[in-house]
């Protein structure tokens, strides 16, 4: 997996972990900074997954900040976890030369 994907994965993880600290604004910015990276990714599936994951993280942050019910925030975090796993798998496949 390339360095950008690893840094992106770390930023998404830090966003989730920051729920315990009232989700500082810089956590979502750390995730959003990878939008340009994913817009330039040649693999269409990875590009779509990455951009969707960024959008879901933004929605998660917004939901958390406005006080949406815990159940809905939790469901969004599960969706983010699933997308994060898909982005990681796809990135690993592409960088190891495995046909995805």
PDB file of N, CA and C in Angstrom:
ATOM      1  N   UNK A   1       0.855  -1.169   0.000  1.00  0.00           N
ATOM      2  CA  UNK A   1       0.000   0.000   0.000  1.00  0.00           C
ATOM      3  C   UNK A   1       0.897   1.227   0.000  1.00  0.00           C
ATOM      4  N   UNK A   2       0.523   2.210  -0.797  1.00  0.00           N
ATOM      5  CA  UNK A   2       1.402   3.372  -0.874  1.00  0.00           C
ATOM      6  C   UNK A   2       1.263   4.280   0.357  1.00  0.00           C
ATOM      7  N   UNK A   3       2.228   5.143   0.498  1.00  0.00           N
ATOM      8  CA  UNK A   3       2.328   5.995   1.688  1.00  0.00           C
ATOM      9  C   UNK A   3       1.083   6.861   1.880  1.00  0.00           C
ATOM     10  N   UNK A   4       0.524   7.387   0.789  1.00  0.00           N
ATOM     11  CA  UNK A   4      -0.669   8.241   0.886  1.00  0.00           C
ATOM     12  C   UNK A   4      -1.845   7.468   1.475  1.00  0.00           C
ATOM     13  N   UNK A   5      -2.032   6.215   1.030  1.00  0.00           N
ATOM     14  CA  UNK A   5      -3.135   5.412   1.564  1.00  0.00           C
ATOM     15  C   UNK A   5      -2.944   5.119   3.044  1.00  0.00           C
ATOM     16  N   UNK A   6      -1.725   4.870   3.448  1.00  0.00           N
ATOM     17  CA  UNK A   6      -1.444   4.615   4.867  1.00  0.00           C
ATOM     18  C   UNK A   6      -1.740   5.866   5.691  1.00  0.00           C
ATOM     19  N   UNK A   7      -1.308   7.020   5.210  1.00  0.00           N
ATOM     20  CA  UNK A   7      -1.576   8.279   5.918  1.00  0.00           C
ATOM     21  C   UNK A   7      -3.070   8.568   5.972  1.00  0.00           C
ATOM     22  N   UNK A   8      -3.777   8.273   4.884  1.00  0.00           N
ATOM     23  CA  UNK A   8      -5.226   8.462   4.854  1.00  0.00           C
ATOM     24  C   UNK A   8      -5.902   7.556   5.878  1.00  0.00           C
ATOM     25  N   UNK A   9      -5.513   6.295   5.903  1.00  0.00           N
ATOM     26  CA  UNK A   9      -6.085   5.348   6.853  1.00  0.00           C
ATOM     27  C   UNK A   9      -5.842   5.815   8.290  1.00  0.00           C
ATOM     28  N   UNK A  10      -4.662   6.316   8.554  1.00  0.00           N
ATOM     29  CA  UNK A  10      -4.350   6.835   9.891  1.00  0.00           C
ATOM     30  C   UNK A  10      -5.229   8.037  10.244  1.00  0.00           C
ATOM     31  N   UNK A  11      -5.489   8.904   9.262  1.00  0.00           N
ATOM     32  CA  UNK A  11      -6.331  10.079   9.508  1.00  0.00           C
ATOM     33  C   UNK A  11      -7.776   9.667   9.804  1.00  0.00           C
ATOM     34  N   UNK A  12      -8.278   8.671   9.075  1.00  0.00           N
ATOM     35  CA  UNK A  12      -9.643   8.183   9.319  1.00  0.00           C
ATOM     36  C   UNK A  12      -9.732   7.552  10.708  1.00  0.00           C
ATOM     37  N   UNK A  13      -8.731   6.776  11.076  1.00  0.00           N
ATOM     38  CA  UNK A  13      -8.709   6.167  12.406  1.00  0.00           C
ATOM     39  C   UNK A  13      -8.676   7.239  13.498  1.00  0.00           C
ATOM     40  N   UNK A  14      -7.863   8.260  13.309  1.00  0.00           N
ATOM     41  CA  UNK A  14      -7.765   9.340  14.299  1.00  0.00           C
ATOM     42  C   UNK A  14      -9.086  10.085  14.425  1.00  0.00           C
ATOM     43  N   UNK A  15      -9.803  10.233  13.318  1.00  0.00           N
ATOM     44  CA  UNK A  15     -11.116  10.885  13.363  1.00  0.00           C
ATOM     45  C   UNK A  15     -12.060  10.094  14.266  1.00  0.00           C
ATOM     46  N   UNK A  16     -12.117   8.801  14.056  1.00  0.00           N
ATOM     47  CA  UNK A  16     -12.976   7.960  14.890  1.00  0.00           C
ATOM     48  C   UNK A  16     -12.575   7.992  16.351  1.00  0.00           C
ATOM     49  N   UNK A  17     -11.281   7.930  16.595  1.00  0.00           N
ATOM     50  CA  UNK A  17     -10.784   7.961  17.970  1.00  0.00           C
ATOM     51  C   UNK A  17     -11.074   9.296  18.655  1.00  0.00           C
ATOM     52  N   UNK A  18     -11.177  10.358  17.859  1.00  0.00           N
ATOM     53  CA  UNK A  18     -11.356  11.690  18.443  1.00  0.00           C
ATOM     54  C   UNK A  18     -12.762  11.923  18.990  1.00  0.00           C
ATOM     55  N   UNK A  19     -13.678  10.972  18.771  1.00  0.00           N
ATOM     56  CA  UNK A  19     -15.019  11.096  19.352  1.00  0.00           C
ATOM     57  C   UNK A  19     -14.924  11.272  20.861  1.00  0.00           C
ATOM     58  N   UNK A  20     -13.938  10.654  21.446  1.00  0.00           N
ATOM     59  CA  UNK A  20     -13.777  10.721  22.895  1.00  0.00           C
ATOM     60  C   UNK A  20     -13.325  12.104  23.357  1.00  0.00           C
ATOM     61  N   UNK A  21     -12.790  12.897  22.415  1.00  0.00           N
ATOM     62  CA  UNK A  21     -12.296  14.241  22.753  1.00  0.00           C
ATOM     63  C   UNK A  21     -13.114  15.311  22.034  1.00  0.00           C
ATOM     64  N   UNK A  22     -14.408  15.040  21.827  1.00  0.00           N
ATOM     65  CA  UNK A  22     -15.310  15.976  21.161  1.00  0.00           C
ATOM     66  C   UNK A  22     -14.911  16.323  19.728  1.00  0.00           C
ATOM     67  N   UNK A  23     -14.233  15.432  19.070  1.00  0.00           N
ATOM     68  CA  UNK A  23     -13.890  15.527  17.660  1.00  0.00           C
ATOM     69  C   UNK A  23     -13.360  16.900  17.250  1.00  0.00           C
ATOM     70  N   UNK A  24     -12.113  17.174  17.534  1.00  0.00           N
ATOM     71  CA  UNK A  24     -11.532  18.457  17.136  1.00  0.00           C
ATOM     72  C   UNK A  24     -11.642  18.685  15.629  1.00  0.00           C
ATOM     73  N   UNK A  25     -11.845  19.924  15.226  1.00  0.00           N
ATOM     74  CA  UNK A  25     -12.025  20.314  13.822  1.00  0.00           C
ATOM     75  C   UNK A  25     -10.877  19.835  12.931  1.00  0.00           C
ATOM     76  N   UNK A  26      -9.664  19.843  13.443  1.00  0.00           N
ATOM     77  CA  UNK A  26      -8.526  19.462  12.599  1.00  0.00           C
ATOM     78  C   UNK A  26      -8.565  17.998  12.183  1.00  0.00           C
ATOM     79  N   UNK A  27      -9.282  17.156  12.905  1.00  0.00           N
ATOM     80  CA  UNK A  27      -9.366  15.735  12.540  1.00  0.00           C
ATOM     81  C   UNK A  27     -10.080  15.555  11.206  1.00  0.00           C
ATOM     82  N   UNK A  28     -11.161  16.280  10.991  1.00  0.00           N
ATOM     83  CA  UNK A  28     -11.883  16.146   9.723  1.00  0.00           C
ATOM     84  C   UNK A  28     -11.072  16.780   8.597  1.00  0.00           C
ATOM     85  N   UNK A  29     -10.350  17.838   8.889  1.00  0.00           N
ATOM     86  CA  UNK A  29      -9.484  18.449   7.872  1.00  0.00           C
ATOM     87  C   UNK A  29      -8.372  17.492   7.476  1.00  0.00           C
ATOM     88  N   UNK A  30      -7.872  16.720   8.434  1.00  0.00           N
ATOM     89  CA  UNK A  30      -6.838  15.729   8.138  1.00  0.00           C
ATOM     90  C   UNK A  30      -7.345  14.695   7.126  1.00  0.00           C
ATOM     91  N   UNK A  31      -8.617  14.331   7.229  1.00  0.00           N
ATOM     92  CA  UNK A  31      -9.211  13.379   6.293  1.00  0.00           C
ATOM     93  C   UNK A  31      -9.478  14.060   4.945  1.00  0.00           C
ATOM     94  N   UNK A  32     -10.041  15.260   4.984  1.00  0.00           N
ATOM     95  CA  UNK A  32     -10.413  15.953   3.754  1.00  0.00           C
ATOM     96  C   UNK A  32      -9.221  16.294   2.871  1.00  0.00           C
ATOM     97  N   UNK A  33      -8.055  16.436   3.433  1.00  0.00           N
ATOM     98  CA  UNK A  33      -6.878  16.797   2.630  1.00  0.00           C
ATOM     99  C   UNK A  33      -6.526  15.727   1.597  1.00  0.00           C
ATOM    100  N   UNK A  34      -7.093  14.530   1.714  1.00  0.00           N
ATOM    101  CA  UNK A  34      -6.800  13.447   0.776  1.00  0.00           C
ATOM    102  C   UNK A  34      -7.759  13.424  -0.422  1.00  0.00           C
ATOM    103  N   UNK A  35      -8.698  14.359  -0.484  1.00  0.00           N
ATOM    104  CA  UNK A  35      -9.643  14.406  -1.604  1.00  0.00           C
ATOM    105  C   UNK A  35      -8.896  14.526  -2.940  1.00  0.00           C
ATOM    106  N   UNK A  36      -7.946  15.423  -3.006  1.00  0.00           N
ATOM    107  CA  UNK A  36      -7.195  15.613  -4.257  1.00  0.00           C
ATOM    108  C   UNK A  36      -6.442  14.337  -4.648  1.00  0.00           C
ATOM    109  N   UNK A  37      -5.876  13.655  -3.664  1.00  0.00           N
ATOM    110  CA  UNK A  37      -5.187  12.393  -3.927  1.00  0.00           C
ATOM    111  C   UNK A  37      -6.130  11.402  -4.610  1.00  0.00           C
ATOM    112  N   UNK A  38      -7.318  11.207  -4.028  1.00  0.00           N
ATOM    113  CA  UNK A  38      -8.251  10.230  -4.587  1.00  0.00           C
ATOM    114  C   UNK A  38      -8.825  10.682  -5.933  1.00  0.00           C
ATOM    115  N   UNK A  39      -8.969  11.973  -6.136  1.00  0.00           N
ATOM    116  CA  UNK A  39      -9.449  12.457  -7.429  1.00  0.00           C
ATOM    117  C   UNK A  39      -8.467  12.123  -8.545  1.00  0.00           C
ATOM    118  N   UNK A  40      -7.209  11.914  -8.216  1.00  0.00           N
ATOM    119  CA  UNK A  40      -6.183  11.623  -9.212  1.00  0.00           C
ATOM    120  C   UNK A  40      -5.818  10.138  -9.314  1.00  0.00           C
ATOM    121  N   UNK A  41      -6.412   9.306  -8.476  1.00  0.00           N
ATOM    122  CA  UNK A  41      -6.123   7.869  -8.510  1.00  0.00           C
ATOM    123  C   UNK A  41      -6.666   7.288  -9.819  1.00  0.00           C
ATOM    124  N   UNK A  42      -5.838   6.513 -10.504  1.00  0.00           N
ATOM    125  CA  UNK A  42      -6.226   5.950 -11.799  1.00  0.00           C
ATOM    126  C   UNK A  42      -7.302   4.869 -11.668  1.00  0.00           C
ATOM    127  N   UNK A  43      -7.249   4.074 -10.614  1.00  0.00           N
ATOM    128  CA  UNK A  43      -8.220   2.994 -10.435  1.00  0.00           C
ATOM    129  C   UNK A  43      -9.576   3.584 -10.042  1.00  0.00           C
ATOM    130  N   UNK A  44     -10.564   3.389 -10.904  1.00  0.00           N
ATOM    131  CA  UNK A  44     -11.882   4.003 -10.702  1.00  0.00           C
ATOM    132  C   UNK A  44     -12.535   3.537  -9.408  1.00  0.00           C
ATOM    133  N   UNK A  45     -12.460   2.246  -9.122  1.00  0.00           N
ATOM    134  CA  UNK A  45     -13.104   1.727  -7.911  1.00  0.00           C
ATOM    135  C   UNK A  45     -12.461   2.310  -6.652  1.00  0.00           C
ATOM    136  N   UNK A  46     -11.130   2.357  -6.622  1.00  0.00           N
ATOM    137  CA  UNK A  46     -10.446   2.938  -5.465  1.00  0.00           C
ATOM    138  C   UNK A  46     -10.779   4.424  -5.346  1.00  0.00           C
ATOM    139  N   UNK A  47     -10.828   5.120  -6.474  1.00  0.00           N
ATOM    140  CA  UNK A  47     -11.165   6.547  -6.449  1.00  0.00           C
ATOM    141  C   UNK A  47     -12.555   6.764  -5.842  1.00  0.00           C
ATOM    142  N   UNK A  48     -13.534   5.996  -6.320  1.00  0.00           N
ATOM    143  CA  UNK A  48     -14.902   6.144  -5.809  1.00  0.00           C
ATOM    144  C   UNK A  48     -15.000   5.783  -4.327  1.00  0.00           C
ATOM    145  N   UNK A  49     -14.343   4.700  -3.937  1.00  0.00           N
ATOM    146  CA  UNK A  49     -14.359   4.281  -2.527  1.00  0.00           C
ATOM    147  C   UNK A  49     -13.723   5.343  -1.635  1.00  0.00           C
ATOM    148  N   UNK A  50     -12.570   5.853  -2.054  1.00  0.00           N
ATOM    149  CA  UNK A  50     -11.872   6.858  -1.257  1.00  0.00           C
ATOM    150  C   UNK A  50     -12.673   8.132  -1.097  1.00  0.00           C
ATOM    151  N   UNK A  51     -13.251   8.608  -2.201  1.00  0.00           N
ATOM    152  CA  UNK A  51     -14.048   9.837  -2.130  1.00  0.00           C
ATOM    153  C   UNK A  51     -15.313   9.631  -1.300  1.00  0.00           C
ATOM    154  N   UNK A  52     -15.921   8.461  -1.434  1.00  0.00           N
ATOM    155  CA  UNK A  52     -17.108   8.182  -0.616  1.00  0.00           C
ATOM    156  C   UNK A  52     -16.750   8.115   0.866  1.00  0.00           C
ATOM    157  N   UNK A  53     -15.604   7.511   1.161  1.00  0.00           N
ATOM    158  CA  UNK A  53     -15.167   7.434   2.559  1.00  0.00           C
ATOM    159  C   UNK A  53     -14.936   8.829   3.131  1.00  0.00           C
ATOM    160  N   UNK A  54     -14.336   9.700   2.360  1.00  0.00           N
ATOM    161  CA  UNK A  54     -14.143  11.084   2.816  1.00  0.00           C
ATOM    162  C   UNK A  54     -15.494  11.739   3.088  1.00  0.00           C
ATOM    163  N   UNK A  55     -16.443  11.579   2.164  1.00  0.00           N
ATOM    164  CA  UNK A  55     -17.774  12.164   2.344  1.00  0.00           C
ATOM    165  C   UNK A  55     -18.480  11.611   3.580  1.00  0.00           C
ATOM    166  N   UNK A  56     -18.342  10.319   3.805  1.00  0.00           N
ATOM    167  CA  UNK A  56     -18.973   9.702   4.978  1.00  0.00           C
ATOM    168  C   UNK A  56     -18.323  10.197   6.266  1.00  0.00           C
ATOM    169  N   UNK A  57     -17.025  10.429   6.240  1.00  0.00           N
ATOM    170  CA  UNK A  57     -16.342  10.973   7.423  1.00  0.00           C
ATOM    171  C   UNK A  57     -16.821  12.387   7.727  1.00  0.00           C
ATOM    172  N   UNK A  58     -17.020  13.181   6.680  1.00  0.00           N
ATOM    173  CA  UNK A  58     -17.538  14.542   6.860  1.00  0.00           C
ATOM    174  C   UNK A  58     -18.941  14.473   7.465  1.00  0.00           C
ATOM    175  N   UNK A  59     -19.778  13.588   6.931  1.00  0.00           N
ATOM    176  CA  UNK A  59     -21.132  13.432   7.463  1.00  0.00           C
ATOM    177  C   UNK A  59     -21.096  12.975   8.920  1.00  0.00           C
ATOM    178  N   UNK A  60     -20.213  12.045   9.224  1.00  0.00           N
ATOM    179  CA  UNK A  60     -20.051  11.538  10.587  1.00  0.00           C
ATOM    180  C   UNK A  60     -19.690  12.673  11.542  1.00  0.00           C
ATOM    181  N   UNK A  61     -18.741  13.481  11.131  1.00  0.00           N
ATOM    182  CA  UNK A  61     -18.308  14.609  11.957  1.00  0.00           C
ATOM    183  C   UNK A  61     -19.463  15.584  12.193  1.00  0.00           C
ATOM    184  N   UNK A  62     -20.188  15.885  11.131  1.00  0.00           N
ATOM    185  CA  UNK A  62     -21.322  16.801  11.238  1.00  0.00           C
ATOM    186  C   UNK A  62     -22.396  16.229  12.163  1.00  0.00           C
ATOM    187  N   UNK A  63     -22.717  14.955  11.970  1.00  0.00           N
ATOM    188  CA  UNK A  63     -23.732  14.307  12.812  1.00  0.00           C
ATOM    189  C   UNK A  63     -23.328  14.361  14.285  1.00  0.00           C
ATOM    190  N   UNK A  64     -22.062  14.095  14.536  1.00  0.00           N
ATOM    191  CA  UNK A  64     -21.564  14.097  15.910  1.00  0.00           C
ATOM    192  C   UNK A  64     -21.676  15.490  16.514  1.00  0.00           C
ATOM    193  N   UNK A  65     -21.272  16.500  15.747  1.00  0.00           N
ATOM    194  CA  UNK A  65     -21.258  17.874  16.248  1.00  0.00           C
ATOM    195  C   UNK A  65     -22.650  18.437  16.534  1.00  0.00           C
ATOM    196  N   UNK A  66     -23.640  18.040  15.714  1.00  0.00           N
ATOM    197  CA  UNK A  66     -24.983  18.594  15.937  1.00  0.00           C
ATOM    198  C   UNK A  66     -25.803  17.761  16.915  1.00  0.00           C
ATOM    199  N   UNK A  67     -25.217  16.675  17.387  1.00  0.00           N
ATOM    200  CA  UNK A  67     -25.879  15.906  18.435  1.00  0.00           C
ATOM    201  C   UNK A  67     -26.919  14.914  17.944  1.00  0.00           C
ATOM    202  N   UNK A  68     -26.705  14.353  16.764  1.00  0.00           N
ATOM    203  CA  UNK A  68     -27.601  13.310  16.265  1.00  0.00           C
ATOM    204  C   UNK A  68     -27.547  12.133  17.231  1.00  0.00           C
ATOM    205  N   UNK A  69     -28.619  11.368  17.306  1.00  0.00           N
ATOM    206  CA  UNK A  69     -28.686  10.260  18.254  1.00  0.00           C
ATOM    207  C   UNK A  69     -27.488   9.322  18.115  1.00  0.00           C
ATOM    208  N   UNK A  70     -27.095   8.775  19.241  1.00  0.00           N
ATOM    209  CA  UNK A  70     -25.926   7.896  19.277  1.00  0.00           C
ATOM    210  C   UNK A  70     -26.087   6.721  18.319  1.00  0.00           C
ATOM    211  N   UNK A  71     -27.290   6.169  18.210  1.00  0.00           N
ATOM    212  CA  UNK A  71     -27.515   5.028  17.319  1.00  0.00           C
ATOM    213  C   UNK A  71     -27.162   5.361  15.873  1.00  0.00           C
ATOM    214  N   UNK A  72     -27.558   6.543  15.422  1.00  0.00           N
ATOM    215  CA  UNK A  72     -27.268   6.947  14.040  1.00  0.00           C
ATOM    216  C   UNK A  72     -25.779   7.220  13.847  1.00  0.00           C
ATOM    217  N   UNK A  73     -25.151   7.832  14.824  1.00  0.00           N
ATOM    218  CA  UNK A  73     -23.709   8.086  14.744  1.00  0.00           C
ATOM    219  C   UNK A  73     -22.958   6.752  14.750  1.00  0.00           C
ATOM    220  N   UNK A  74     -23.410   5.827  15.575  1.00  0.00           N
ATOM    221  CA  UNK A  74     -22.788   4.507  15.632  1.00  0.00           C
ATOM    222  C   UNK A  74     -22.926   3.786  14.297  1.00  0.00           C
ATOM    223  N   UNK A  75     -24.117   3.823  13.693  1.00  0.00           N
ATOM    224  CA  UNK A  75     -24.328   3.202  12.386  1.00  0.00           C
ATOM    225  C   UNK A  75     -23.399   3.809  11.333  1.00  0.00           C
ATOM    226  N   UNK A  76     -23.233   5.125  11.387  1.00  0.00           N
ATOM    227  CA  UNK A  76     -22.334   5.801  10.441  1.00  0.00           C
ATOM    228  C   UNK A  76     -20.900   5.349  10.675  1.00  0.00           C
ATOM    229  N   UNK A  77     -20.508   5.159  11.934  1.00  0.00           N
ATOM    230  CA  UNK A  77     -19.143   4.708  12.212  1.00  0.00           C
ATOM    231  C   UNK A  77     -18.922   3.286  11.683  1.00  0.00           C
ATOM    232  N   UNK A  78     -19.946   2.442  11.734  1.00  0.00           N
ATOM    233  CA  UNK A  78     -19.831   1.096  11.171  1.00  0.00           C
ATOM    234  C   UNK A  78     -19.661   1.162   9.654  1.00  0.00           C
ATOM    235  N   UNK A  79     -20.417   2.037   9.019  1.00  0.00           N
ATOM    236  CA  UNK A  79     -20.305   2.218   7.573  1.00  0.00           C
ATOM    237  C   UNK A  79     -18.899   2.707   7.200  1.00  0.00           C
ATOM    238  N   UNK A  80     -18.373   3.640   7.984  1.00  0.00           N
ATOM    239  CA  UNK A  80     -17.018   4.150   7.748  1.00  0.00           C
ATOM    240  C   UNK A  80     -15.999   3.022   7.912  1.00  0.00           C
ATOM    241  N   UNK A  81     -16.175   2.203   8.920  1.00  0.00           N
ATOM    242  CA  UNK A  81     -15.266   1.077   9.128  1.00  0.00           C
ATOM    243  C   UNK A  81     -15.264   0.125   7.943  1.00  0.00           C
ATOM    244  N   UNK A  82     -16.440  -0.142   7.401  1.00  0.00           N
ATOM    245  CA  UNK A  82     -16.551  -1.021   6.238  1.00  0.00           C
ATOM    246  C   UNK A  82     -15.861  -0.397   5.024  1.00  0.00           C
ATOM    247  N   UNK A  83     -16.119   0.872   4.773  1.00  0.00           N
ATOM    248  CA  UNK A  83     -15.496   1.562   3.644  1.00  0.00           C
ATOM    249  C   UNK A  83     -13.979   1.628   3.811  1.00  0.00           C
ATOM    250  N   UNK A  84     -13.548   1.875   5.019  1.00  0.00           N
ATOM    251  CA  UNK A  84     -12.103   1.944   5.305  1.00  0.00           C
ATOM    252  C   UNK A  84     -11.442   0.616   4.962  1.00  0.00           C
ATOM    253  N   UNK A  85     -12.098  -0.476   5.322  1.00  0.00           N
ATOM    254  CA  UNK A  85     -11.584  -1.806   5.017  1.00  0.00           C
ATOM    255  C   UNK A  85     -11.520  -2.031   3.501  1.00  0.00           C
ATOM    256  N   UNK A  86     -12.552  -1.597   2.789  1.00  0.00           N
ATOM    257  CA  UNK A  86     -12.583  -1.751   1.335  1.00  0.00           C
ATOM    258  C   UNK A  86     -11.481  -0.940   0.655  1.00  0.00           C
ATOM    259  N   UNK A  87     -11.268   0.279   1.119  1.00  0.00           N
ATOM    260  CA  UNK A  87     -10.201   1.115   0.557  1.00  0.00           C
ATOM    261  C   UNK A  87      -8.847   0.454   0.797  1.00  0.00           C
ATOM    262  N   UNK A  88      -8.638  -0.051   1.990  1.00  0.00           N
ATOM    263  CA  UNK A  88      -7.368  -0.709   2.320  1.00  0.00           C
ATOM    264  C   UNK A  88      -7.156  -1.945   1.455  1.00  0.00           C
ATOM    265  N   UNK A  89      -8.176  -2.788   1.339  1.00  0.00           N
ATOM    266  CA  UNK A  89      -8.062  -4.000   0.522  1.00  0.00           C
ATOM    267  C   UNK A  89      -7.748  -3.651  -0.932  1.00  0.00           C
ATOM    268  N   UNK A  90      -8.476  -2.695  -1.461  1.00  0.00           N
ATOM    269  CA  UNK A  90      -8.277  -2.303  -2.858  1.00  0.00           C
ATOM    270  C   UNK A  90      -6.868  -1.735  -3.063  1.00  0.00           C
ATOM    271  N   UNK A  91      -6.423  -0.898  -2.144  1.00  0.00           N
ATOM    272  CA  UNK A  91      -5.084  -0.334  -2.244  1.00  0.00           C
ATOM    273  C   UNK A  91      -4.009  -1.408  -2.170  1.00  0.00           C
ATOM    274  N   UNK A  92      -4.199  -2.390  -1.297  1.00  0.00           N
ATOM    275  CA  UNK A  92      -3.236  -3.496  -1.189  1.00  0.00           C
ATOM    276  C   UNK A  92      -3.199  -4.323  -2.461  1.00  0.00           C
ATOM    277  N   UNK A  93      -4.373  -4.606  -3.015  1.00  0.00           N
ATOM    278  CA  UNK A  93      -4.433  -5.399  -4.256  1.00  0.00           C
ATOM    279  C   UNK A  93      -3.709  -4.693  -5.391  1.00  0.00           C
ATOM    280  N   UNK A  94      -3.959  -3.412  -5.528  1.00  0.00           N
ATOM    281  CA  UNK A  94      -3.355  -2.665  -6.624  1.00  0.00           C
ATOM    282  C   UNK A  94      -1.852  -2.563  -6.476  1.00  0.00           C
ATOM    283  N   UNK A  95      -1.381  -2.371  -5.264  1.00  0.00           N
ATOM    284  CA  UNK A  95       0.057  -2.216  -5.052  1.00  0.00           C
ATOM    285  C   UNK A  95       0.812  -3.531  -5.037  1.00  0.00           C
ATOM    286  N   UNK A  96       0.110  -4.632  -4.870  1.00  0.00           N
ATOM    287  CA  UNK A  96       0.793  -5.921  -4.901  1.00  0.00           C
ATOM    288  C   UNK A  96       0.642  -6.594  -6.250  1.00  0.00           C
ATOM    289  N   UNK A  97      -0.106  -5.952  -7.161  1.00  0.00           N
ATOM    290  CA  UNK A  97      -0.250  -6.494  -8.497  1.00  0.00           C
ATOM    291  C   UNK A  97      -1.298  -7.573  -8.626  1.00  0.00           C
ATOM    292  N   UNK A  98      -2.114  -7.781  -7.606  1.00  0.00           N
ATOM    293  CA  UNK A  98      -3.176  -8.780  -7.658  1.00  0.00           C
ATOM    294  C   UNK A  98      -4.336  -8.191  -8.432  1.00  0.00           C
ATOM    295  N   UNK A  99      -4.884  -8.964  -9.342  1.00  0.00           N
ATOM    296  CA  UNK A  99      -6.032  -8.462 -10.117  1.00  0.00           C
ATOM    297  C   UNK A  99      -7.241  -8.382  -9.207  1.00  0.00           C
ATOM    298  N   UNK A 100      -7.842  -7.186  -9.117  1.00  0.00           N
ATOM    299  CA  UNK A 100      -8.975  -6.973  -8.202  1.00  0.00           C
ATOM    300  C   UNK A 100     -10.290  -7.059  -8.918  1.00  0.00           C
TER     301      UNK A 100
END
